[in-house]
């Protein structure tokens, strides 16, 4: 508002007389802008709180899924990287059968 008033020609006798309608409109604009800003800040704070709450206190079925995922990740880390687990059928040959290495 002040930058807008800076471009108006200033009278010789002092400050510019602004009509009451313009003052009320500028006051309402400031109040509306502050209200919108506070509403958005509150909405983002609520969103952040919900995300934090869901990660620290998950629902029982989500907690069970997270535990199962951690167990499978732990099992994957305990296996040796060079040896893959026996997942092939009994009639399949080992991938390196041609090397004639005893298993």
Protein backbone atom coordinates (compact mmCIF):
# COMPACT_ATOMS: atom_id res chain seq x y z
CA UNK A 1 0.00 0.00 0.00
CA UNK A 2 2.80 2.40 0.84
CA UNK A 3 4.56 1.83 -2.47
CA UNK A 4 1.32 2.65 -4.28
CA UNK A 5 0.96 5.89 -2.34
CA UNK A 6 4.57 6.84 -3.04
CA UNK A 7 3.77 7.34 -6.73
CA UNK A 8 0.89 9.73 -6.09
CA UNK A 9 1.73 13.41 -6.37
CA UNK A 10 2.20 14.88 -2.91
CA UNK A 11 0.41 18.14 -2.12
CA UNK A 12 2.41 21.15 -1.03
CA UNK A 13 0.82 21.29 2.42
CA UNK A 14 1.75 17.80 3.68
CA UNK A 15 0.29 14.33 3.40
CA UNK A 16 -2.35 13.11 1.00
CA UNK A 17 -5.91 12.88 2.21
CA UNK A 18 -7.14 9.33 1.58
CA UNK A 19 -10.84 8.66 1.55
CA UNK A 20 -12.27 6.42 4.25
CA UNK A 21 -13.49 3.88 1.65
CA UNK A 22 -9.91 3.32 0.46
CA UNK A 23 -8.69 2.93 4.02
CA UNK A 24 -11.36 0.32 4.82
CA UNK A 25 -10.62 -1.60 1.62
CA UNK A 26 -6.90 -1.67 2.36
CA UNK A 27 -7.55 -2.78 5.95
CA UNK A 28 -9.77 -5.62 4.77
CA UNK A 29 -7.17 -6.64 2.17
CA UNK A 30 -4.49 -6.87 4.87
CA UNK A 31 -6.78 -8.83 7.19
CA UNK A 32 -7.80 -11.21 4.41
CA UNK A 33 -4.16 -11.76 3.38
CA UNK A 34 -3.08 -12.42 6.97
CA UNK A 35 -6.02 -14.78 7.49
CA UNK A 36 -5.13 -16.71 4.35
CA UNK A 37 -1.48 -16.92 5.39
CA UNK A 38 -2.36 -18.16 8.87
CA UNK A 39 -4.83 -20.69 7.46
CA UNK A 40 -2.19 -22.08 5.08
CA UNK A 41 0.43 -22.25 7.83
CA UNK A 42 -2.06 -24.10 10.04
CA UNK A 43 -2.93 -26.51 7.22
CA UNK A 44 0.74 -27.32 6.58
CA UNK A 45 1.36 -27.75 10.31
CA UNK A 46 -1.59 -30.15 10.56
CA UNK A 47 -0.35 -32.09 7.53
CA UNK A 48 3.17 -32.37 9.00
CA UNK A 49 1.74 -33.50 12.35
CA UNK A 50 -0.38 -36.19 10.66
CA UNK A 51 2.64 -37.52 8.77
CA UNK A 52 4.73 -37.55 11.96
CA UNK A 53 1.95 -39.30 13.89
CA UNK A 54 1.51 -41.98 11.24
CA UNK A 55 5.22 -42.80 11.24
CA UNK A 56 5.63 -42.88 15.03
CA UNK A 57 2.35 -44.61 15.92
CA UNK A 58 1.21 -46.66 12.93
CA UNK A 59 -2.02 -48.64 12.99
CA UNK A 60 -1.66 -52.33 13.94
CA UNK A 61 -1.99 -53.73 10.42
CA UNK A 62 0.54 -51.20 9.06
CA UNK A 63 2.90 -52.01 11.94
CA UNK A 64 2.68 -55.73 11.11
CA UNK A 65 3.48 -55.04 7.45
CA UNK A 66 6.47 -52.89 8.47
CA UNK A 67 7.77 -55.66 10.76
CA UNK A 68 7.42 -58.27 8.02
CA UNK A 69 9.28 -56.04 5.60
CA UNK A 70 12.09 -55.51 8.13
CA UNK A 71 12.36 -59.27 8.67
CA UNK A 72 12.63 -59.98 4.96
CA UNK A 73 15.22 -57.23 4.56
CA UNK A 74 17.19 -58.70 7.48
CA UNK A 75 17.10 -62.16 5.91
CA UNK A 76 18.30 -60.75 2.60
CA UNK A 77 21.27 -59.14 4.35
CA UNK A 78 22.27 -62.31 6.21
CA UNK A 79 22.59 -64.39 3.05
CA UNK A 80 25.98 -64.41 1.40
CA UNK A 81 26.09 -62.21 -1.68
CA UNK A 82 27.81 -64.77 -3.93
CA UNK A 83 25.55 -67.71 -3.12
CA UNK A 84 21.92 -67.56 -4.06
CA UNK A 85 19.40 -69.56 -2.04
CA UNK A 86 18.03 -72.82 -3.42
CA UNK A 87 14.94 -71.63 -5.24
CA UNK A 88 15.07 -73.92 -8.23
CA UNK A 89 13.03 -77.04 -8.67
CA UNK A 90 14.65 -80.46 -7.95
CA UNK A 91 14.88 -81.40 -11.64
CA UNK A 92 16.73 -78.20 -12.63
CA UNK A 93 20.47 -78.17 -12.87
CA UNK A 94 22.69 -75.61 -11.18
CA UNK A 95 23.52 -72.60 -13.37
CA UNK A 96 27.20 -73.57 -13.42
CA UNK A 97 26.69 -77.30 -14.12
CA UNK A 98 29.10 -77.20 -17.03
CA UNK A 99 32.04 -76.32 -14.75
CA UNK A 100 31.91 -79.84 -13.24
CA UNK A 101 32.27 -78.45 -9.72
CA UNK A 102 31.02 -80.65 -6.89
CA UNK A 103 28.25 -79.07 -4.87
